[in-house]
Amino acid sequence: MRTANSPERRRGEQRLRALLAVAATGVLVAAIAFVVGPGGGGLTTVALTGDTSAPPPAVGSAAPDFSATTVDGETISLGSLRGKPVWLTFGASWCADCRAEAPDLQATYAAFRDRGLQVVGVFVREDAAAVAGYADRAGLTFPLVADPVTRIASRYRARGIPTHFFIDADGVVRGIRLGGLEPAEMERLVTDLLETSGT
């Protein structure tokens, strides 16, 4: 017979809590995707383990600053890019949708970098060696940052990847997109960002 404190009952309650937590995460990601606007591809859920105490970024708010070391050993910060439009993208080499959009992301960067576009790729739950190897294979030439413990992803609440933030020259978030983007959508978002930034 199961009592109120029996091991079987406690295990059942723990399973139920775990299932509810997974379901809540899925609902949250879906709700964010609905509010922010869909991308062209899927979304892979990411568990955030960094600090999420600050308010999440929103369109019209200042983008959270961060400082990190790229896989090439350079220091980069969002503050150091002030005055330039920034496309901040969160992804991972183990994410199928991120890999699928990588060639188009690189092509869009190449097409618009002469107009001042800065792209920074943050690779979630990967170390620098894995990111550098993937970048070489994929031909990515924009700055890449490894975020193995989701320090940066947590500040941006990137609970699903790929996630894209379009930040104007004044450091204000002008667009957020969840999921993989099609080339035409990339071009439209970047063109809007450049016009907003006056470049």
C-alpha atoms as a PDB file:
ATOM      1  CA  MET A   1       0.000   0.000   0.000  1.00  0.00           C
ATOM      2  CA  ARG A   2       1.308   3.480  -0.889  1.00  0.00           C
ATOM      3  CA  THR A   3       1.507   5.895   1.993  1.00  0.00           C
ATOM      4  CA  ALA A   4       1.763   9.670   1.734  1.00  0.00           C
ATOM      5  CA  ASN A   5       5.573   9.479   2.097  1.00  0.00           C
ATOM      6  CA  SER A   6       6.262   6.150   0.365  1.00  0.00           C
ATOM      7  CA  PRO A   7       9.254   5.965  -2.011  1.00  0.00           C
ATOM      8  CA  GLU A   8       6.937   5.009  -4.894  1.00  0.00           C
ATOM      9  CA  ARG A   9       4.773   8.062  -4.347  1.00  0.00           C
ATOM     10  CA  ARG A  10       7.794  10.388  -4.099  1.00  0.00           C
ATOM     11  CA  ARG A  11       9.225   8.965  -7.359  1.00  0.00           C
ATOM     12  CA  GLY A  12       5.883   9.471  -9.053  1.00  0.00           C
ATOM     13  CA  GLU A  13       5.715  13.070  -7.856  1.00  0.00           C
ATOM     14  CA  GLN A  14       9.279  13.699  -9.043  1.00  0.00           C
ATOM     15  CA  ARG A  15       8.435  12.303 -12.496  1.00  0.00           C
ATOM     16  CA  LEU A  16       5.347  14.473 -12.675  1.00  0.00           C
ATOM     17  CA  ARG A  17       7.334  17.598 -11.727  1.00  0.00           C
ATOM     18  CA  ALA A  18       9.961  16.779 -14.377  1.00  0.00           C
ATOM     19  CA  LEU A  19       7.289  16.315 -17.055  1.00  0.00           C
ATOM     20  CA  LEU A  20       5.610  19.570 -16.047  1.00  0.00           C
ATOM     21  CA  ALA A  21       8.957  21.415 -16.255  1.00  0.00           C
ATOM     22  CA  VAL A  22       9.605  20.055 -19.769  1.00  0.00           C
ATOM     23  CA  ALA A  23       6.076  20.967 -20.866  1.00  0.00           C
ATOM     24  CA  ALA A  24       6.409  24.478 -19.401  1.00  0.00           C
ATOM     25  CA  THR A  25       9.683  25.033 -21.278  1.00  0.00           C
ATOM     26  CA  GLY A  26       8.043  23.949 -24.535  1.00  0.00           C
ATOM     27  CA  VAL A  27       5.079  26.253 -23.970  1.00  0.00           C
ATOM     28  CA  LEU A  28       7.419  29.160 -23.174  1.00  0.00           C
ATOM     29  CA  VAL A  29       9.465  28.661 -26.351  1.00  0.00           C
ATOM     30  CA  ALA A  30       6.266  28.414 -28.415  1.00  0.00           C
ATOM     31  CA  ALA A  31       4.855  31.564 -26.799  1.00  0.00           C
ATOM     32  CA  ILE A  32       8.052  33.510 -27.464  1.00  0.00           C
ATOM     33  CA  ALA A  33       8.037  32.323 -31.078  1.00  0.00           C
ATOM     34  CA  PHE A  34       4.440  33.504 -31.473  1.00  0.00           C
ATOM     35  CA  VAL A  35       5.105  36.932 -29.951  1.00  0.00           C
ATOM     36  CA  VAL A  36       8.442  37.586 -31.650  1.00  0.00           C
ATOM     37  CA  GLY A  37       7.590  36.172 -35.042  1.00  0.00           C
ATOM     38  CA  PRO A  38       8.611  32.944 -36.671  1.00  0.00           C
ATOM     39  CA  GLY A  39      11.709  32.296 -38.656  1.00  0.00           C
ATOM     40  CA  GLY A  40      11.882  30.051 -41.687  1.00  0.00           C
ATOM     41  CA  GLY A  41      13.084  26.913 -39.896  1.00  0.00           C
ATOM     42  CA  GLY A  42      12.801  24.952 -36.713  1.00  0.00           C
ATOM     43  CA  LEU A  43      13.957  25.725 -33.229  1.00  0.00           C
ATOM     44  CA  THR A  44      16.065  23.571 -30.912  1.00  0.00           C
ATOM     45  CA  THR A  45      15.419  24.092 -27.200  1.00  0.00           C
ATOM     46  CA  VAL A  46      18.415  25.008 -25.016  1.00  0.00           C
ATOM     47  CA  ALA A  47      18.596  24.795 -21.222  1.00  0.00           C
ATOM     48  CA  LEU A  48      20.038  28.030 -19.858  1.00  0.00           C
ATOM     49  CA  THR A  49      22.344  27.749 -16.844  1.00  0.00           C
ATOM     50  CA  GLY A  50      23.638  31.334 -16.663  1.00  0.00           C
ATOM     51  CA  ASP A  51      22.246  34.384 -14.892  1.00  0.00           C
ATOM     52  CA  THR A  52      18.708  35.227 -16.001  1.00  0.00           C
ATOM     53  CA  SER A  53      17.931  37.777 -13.271  1.00  0.00           C
ATOM     54  CA  ALA A  54      17.971  40.846 -15.557  1.00  0.00           C
ATOM     55  CA  PRO A  55      14.960  41.602 -17.763  1.00  0.00           C
ATOM     56  CA  PRO A  56      15.093  39.880 -21.165  1.00  0.00           C
ATOM     57  CA  PRO A  57      15.859  42.035 -24.190  1.00  0.00           C
ATOM     58  CA  ALA A  58      12.878  43.262 -26.182  1.00  0.00           C
ATOM     59  CA  VAL A  59      12.409  45.183 -29.404  1.00  0.00           C
ATOM     60  CA  GLY A  60      13.001  48.848 -28.592  1.00  0.00           C
ATOM     61  CA  SER A  61      15.158  48.163 -25.526  1.00  0.00           C
ATOM     62  CA  ALA A  62      18.922  48.405 -25.149  1.00  0.00           C
ATOM     63  CA  ALA A  63      20.711  45.184 -26.026  1.00  0.00           C
ATOM     64  CA  PRO A  64      22.536  43.672 -23.028  1.00  0.00           C
ATOM     65  CA  ASP A  65      26.254  44.295 -23.281  1.00  0.00           C
ATOM     66  CA  PHE A  66      28.709  41.421 -23.021  1.00  0.00           C
ATOM     67  CA  SER A  67      32.410  40.866 -23.436  1.00  0.00           C
ATOM     68  CA  ALA A  68      33.939  37.623 -24.674  1.00  0.00           C
ATOM     69  CA  THR A  69      36.922  36.148 -26.465  1.00  0.00           C
ATOM     70  CA  THR A  70      36.371  34.958 -30.016  1.00  0.00           C
ATOM     71  CA  VAL A  71      37.650  31.574 -31.163  1.00  0.00           C
ATOM     72  CA  ASP A  72      40.431  33.530 -32.909  1.00  0.00           C
ATOM     73  CA  GLY A  73      41.580  34.923 -29.552  1.00  0.00           C
ATOM     74  CA  GLU A  74      40.263  38.467 -30.040  1.00  0.00           C
ATOM     75  CA  THR A  75      38.284  40.304 -27.363  1.00  0.00           C
ATOM     76  CA  ILE A  76      34.884  41.461 -28.522  1.00  0.00           C
ATOM     77  CA  SER A  77      32.079  43.294 -26.762  1.00  0.00           C
ATOM     78  CA  LEU A  78      28.781  44.672 -27.888  1.00  0.00           C
ATOM     79  CA  GLY A  79      29.863  48.055 -26.526  1.00  0.00           C
ATOM     80  CA  SER A  80      32.927  48.054 -28.783  1.00  0.00           C
ATOM     81  CA  LEU A  81      30.611  47.676 -31.792  1.00  0.00           C
ATOM     82  CA  ARG A  82      28.525  50.744 -30.894  1.00  0.00           C
ATOM     83  CA  GLY A  83      28.045  52.907 -33.961  1.00  0.00           C
ATOM     84  CA  LYS A  84      27.640  49.864 -36.210  1.00  0.00           C
ATOM     85  CA  PRO A  85      24.595  47.694 -36.924  1.00  0.00           C
ATOM     86  CA  VAL A  86      24.987  44.246 -35.348  1.00  0.00           C
ATOM     87  CA  TRP A  87      23.353  40.943 -36.191  1.00  0.00           C
ATOM     88  CA  LEU A  88      23.823  38.805 -33.068  1.00  0.00           C
ATOM     89  CA  THR A  89      23.018  35.186 -33.792  1.00  0.00           C
ATOM     90  CA  PHE A  90      22.836  32.270 -31.355  1.00  0.00           C
ATOM     91  CA  GLY A  91      23.393  28.768 -32.675  1.00  0.00           C
ATOM     92  CA  ALA A  92      25.488  25.608 -32.390  1.00  0.00           C
ATOM     93  CA  SER A  93      27.229  23.179 -34.690  1.00  0.00           C
ATOM     94  CA  TRP A  94      25.115  20.360 -33.211  1.00  0.00           C
ATOM     95  CA  CYS A  95      21.877  22.203 -34.202  1.00  0.00           C
ATOM     96  CA  ALA A  96      20.573  21.013 -37.597  1.00  0.00           C
ATOM     97  CA  ASP A  97      18.648  24.231 -38.337  1.00  0.00           C
ATOM     98  CA  CYS A  98      21.698  26.325 -37.431  1.00  0.00           C
ATOM     99  CA  ARG A  99      23.876  24.318 -39.820  1.00  0.00           C
ATOM    100  CA  ALA A 100      21.246  24.608 -42.545  1.00  0.00           C
ATOM    101  CA  GLU A 101      21.143  28.407 -42.426  1.00  0.00           C
ATOM    102  CA  ALA A 102      24.918  28.932 -41.953  1.00  0.00           C
ATOM    103  CA  PRO A 103      25.796  29.256 -45.679  1.00  0.00           C
ATOM    104  CA  ASP A 104      23.037  31.849 -46.186  1.00  0.00           C
ATOM    105  CA  LEU A 105      24.081  33.726 -43.062  1.00  0.00           C
ATOM    106  CA  GLN A 106      27.673  33.850 -44.308  1.00  0.00           C
ATOM    107  CA  ALA A 107      26.529  34.968 -47.783  1.00  0.00           C
ATOM    108  CA  THR A 108      24.363  37.745 -46.309  1.00  0.00           C
ATOM    109  CA  TYR A 109      27.240  38.923 -44.140  1.00  0.00           C
ATOM    110  CA  ALA A 110      29.557  38.970 -47.170  1.00  0.00           C
ATOM    111  CA  ALA A 111      27.006  40.953 -49.177  1.00  0.00           C
ATOM    112  CA  PHE A 112      26.488  43.642 -46.512  1.00  0.00           C
ATOM    113  CA  ARG A 113      29.738  43.922 -44.536  1.00  0.00           C
ATOM    114  CA  ASP A 114      30.994  46.729 -46.780  1.00  0.00           C
ATOM    115  CA  ARG A 115      27.958  48.737 -45.623  1.00  0.00           C
ATOM    116  CA  GLY A 116      29.049  48.303 -42.010  1.00  0.00           C
ATOM    117  CA  LEU A 117      27.121  45.178 -40.981  1.00  0.00           C
ATOM    118  CA  GLN A 118      28.703  43.352 -38.066  1.00  0.00           C
ATOM    119  CA  VAL A 119      27.731  39.729 -37.434  1.00  0.00           C
ATOM    120  CA  VAL A 120      28.639  37.984 -34.183  1.00  0.00           C
ATOM    121  CA  GLY A 121      27.884  34.293 -33.798  1.00  0.00           C
ATOM    122  CA  VAL A 122      27.476  32.892 -30.287  1.00  0.00           C
ATOM    123  CA  PHE A 123      27.742  29.106 -30.186  1.00  0.00           C
ATOM    124  CA  VAL A 124      25.817  27.676 -27.258  1.00  0.00           C
ATOM    125  CA  ARG A 125      27.059  24.728 -25.187  1.00  0.00           C
ATOM    126  CA  GLU A 126      30.267  24.304 -27.179  1.00  0.00           C
ATOM    127  CA  ASP A 127      33.912  24.986 -26.453  1.00  0.00           C
ATOM    128  CA  ALA A 128      36.179  27.167 -28.584  1.00  0.00           C
ATOM    129  CA  ALA A 129      37.938  24.235 -30.291  1.00  0.00           C
ATOM    130  CA  ALA A 130      34.643  22.736 -31.489  1.00  0.00           C
ATOM    131  CA  VAL A 131      33.417  26.112 -32.756  1.00  0.00           C
ATOM    132  CA  ALA A 132      36.688  26.882 -34.553  1.00  0.00           C
ATOM    133  CA  GLY A 133      36.644  23.475 -36.262  1.00  0.00           C
ATOM    134  CA  TYR A 134      33.067  23.952 -37.394  1.00  0.00           C
ATOM    135  CA  ALA A 135      33.784  27.499 -38.630  1.00  0.00           C
ATOM    136  CA  ASP A 136      36.636  26.186 -40.787  1.00  0.00           C
ATOM    137  CA  ARG A 137      34.455  23.454 -42.278  1.00  0.00           C
ATOM    138  CA  ALA A 138      31.495  25.810 -42.873  1.00  0.00           C
ATOM    139  CA  GLY A 139      33.594  28.747 -44.142  1.00  0.00           C
ATOM    140  CA  LEU A 140      32.314  31.233 -41.556  1.00  0.00           C
ATOM    141  CA  THR A 141      34.372  34.443 -41.498  1.00  0.00           C
ATOM    142  CA  PHE A 142      32.524  36.636 -38.964  1.00  0.00           C
ATOM    143  CA  PRO A 143      33.527  36.696 -35.266  1.00  0.00           C
ATOM    144  CA  LEU A 144      32.483  33.565 -33.376  1.00  0.00           C
ATOM    145  CA  VAL A 145      32.224  33.150 -29.610  1.00  0.00           C
ATOM    146  CA  ALA A 146      31.935  29.884 -27.698  1.00  0.00           C
ATOM    147  CA  ASP A 147      29.345  29.996 -24.905  1.00  0.00           C
ATOM    148  CA  PRO A 148      29.742  26.594 -23.200  1.00  0.00           C
ATOM    149  CA  VAL A 149      27.898  27.502 -19.988  1.00  0.00           C
ATOM    150  CA  THR A 150      25.279  29.744 -21.676  1.00  0.00           C
ATOM    151  CA  ARG A 151      26.568  32.940 -20.031  1.00  0.00           C
ATOM    152  CA  ILE A 152      25.674  35.120 -23.025  1.00  0.00           C
ATOM    153  CA  ALA A 153      22.671  33.069 -24.151  1.00  0.00           C
ATOM    154  CA  SER A 154      21.191  33.420 -20.654  1.00  0.00           C
ATOM    155  CA  ARG A 155      21.462  37.223 -20.770  1.00  0.00           C
ATOM    156  CA  TYR A 156      19.569  37.173 -24.066  1.00  0.00           C
ATOM    157  CA  ARG A 157      17.156  34.394 -22.987  1.00  0.00           C
ATOM    158  CA  ALA A 158      18.073  32.400 -26.083  1.00  0.00           C
ATOM    159  CA  ARG A 159      16.106  29.339 -24.946  1.00  0.00           C
ATOM    160  CA  GLY A 160      15.949  28.053 -28.496  1.00  0.00           C
ATOM    161  CA  ILE A 161      18.409  28.125 -31.388  1.00  0.00           C
ATOM    162  CA  PRO A 162      18.843  29.538 -33.896  1.00  0.00           C
ATOM    163  CA  THR A 163      17.820  32.898 -32.433  1.00  0.00           C
ATOM    164  CA  HIS A 164      18.677  36.215 -34.086  1.00  0.00           C
ATOM    165  CA  PHE A 165      18.884  39.725 -32.611  1.00  0.00           C
ATOM    166  CA  PHE A 166      19.169  42.735 -34.918  1.00  0.00           C
ATOM    167  CA  ILE A 167      20.745  45.642 -33.021  1.00  0.00           C
ATOM    168  CA  ASP A 168      21.062  49.132 -34.449  1.00  0.00           C
ATOM    169  CA  ALA A 169      24.079  51.444 -34.308  1.00  0.00           C
ATOM    170  CA  ASP A 170      22.807  52.943 -31.031  1.00  0.00           C
ATOM    171  CA  GLY A 171      22.684  49.528 -29.357  1.00  0.00           C
ATOM    172  CA  VAL A 172      18.885  49.203 -29.509  1.00  0.00           C
ATOM    173  CA  VAL A 173      17.236  45.894 -30.410  1.00  0.00           C
ATOM    174  CA  ARG A 174      15.276  46.435 -33.636  1.00  0.00           C
ATOM    175  CA  GLY A 175      14.272  42.847 -34.365  1.00  0.00           C
ATOM    176  CA  ILE A 176      14.223  39.386 -32.809  1.00  0.00           C
ATOM    177  CA  ARG A 177      13.644  36.215 -34.802  1.00  0.00           C
ATOM    178  CA  LEU A 178      13.480  32.631 -33.594  1.00  0.00           C
ATOM    179  CA  GLY A 179      14.258  29.727 -35.886  1.00  0.00           C
ATOM    180  CA  GLY A 180      16.177  29.421 -39.110  1.00  0.00           C
ATOM    181  CA  LEU A 181      15.838  32.271 -41.592  1.00  0.00           C
ATOM    182  CA  GLU A 182      15.424  32.049 -45.341  1.00  0.00           C
ATOM    183  CA  PRO A 183      17.854  34.132 -47.468  1.00  0.00           C
ATOM    184  CA  ALA A 184      15.178  36.638 -48.522  1.00  0.00           C
ATOM    185  CA  GLU A 185      14.188  37.211 -44.882  1.00  0.00           C
ATOM    186  CA  MET A 186      17.839  37.676 -43.902  1.00  0.00           C
ATOM    187  CA  GLU A 187      18.277  40.284 -46.627  1.00  0.00           C
ATOM    188  CA  ARG A 188      15.091  42.122 -45.635  1.00  0.00           C
ATOM    189  CA  LEU A 189      15.984  42.199 -41.937  1.00  0.00           C
ATOM    190  CA  VAL A 190      19.544  43.352 -42.608  1.00  0.00           C
ATOM    191  CA  THR A 191      18.381  46.034 -45.073  1.00  0.00           C
ATOM    192  CA  ASP A 192      15.896  47.344 -42.494  1.00  0.00           C
ATOM    193  CA  LEU A 193      18.620  47.330 -39.839  1.00  0.00           C
ATOM    194  CA  LEU A 194      21.051  49.240 -42.045  1.00  0.00           C
ATOM    195  CA  GLU A 195      18.407  51.828 -42.919  1.00  0.00           C
ATOM    196  CA  THR A 196      17.497  52.266 -39.257  1.00  0.00           C
ATOM    197  CA  SER A 197      21.189  52.721 -38.470  1.00  0.00           C
ATOM    198  CA  GLY A 198      21.705  55.215 -41.300  1.00  0.00           C
ATOM    199  CA  THR A 199      24.305  53.113 -43.123  1.00  0.00           C
END
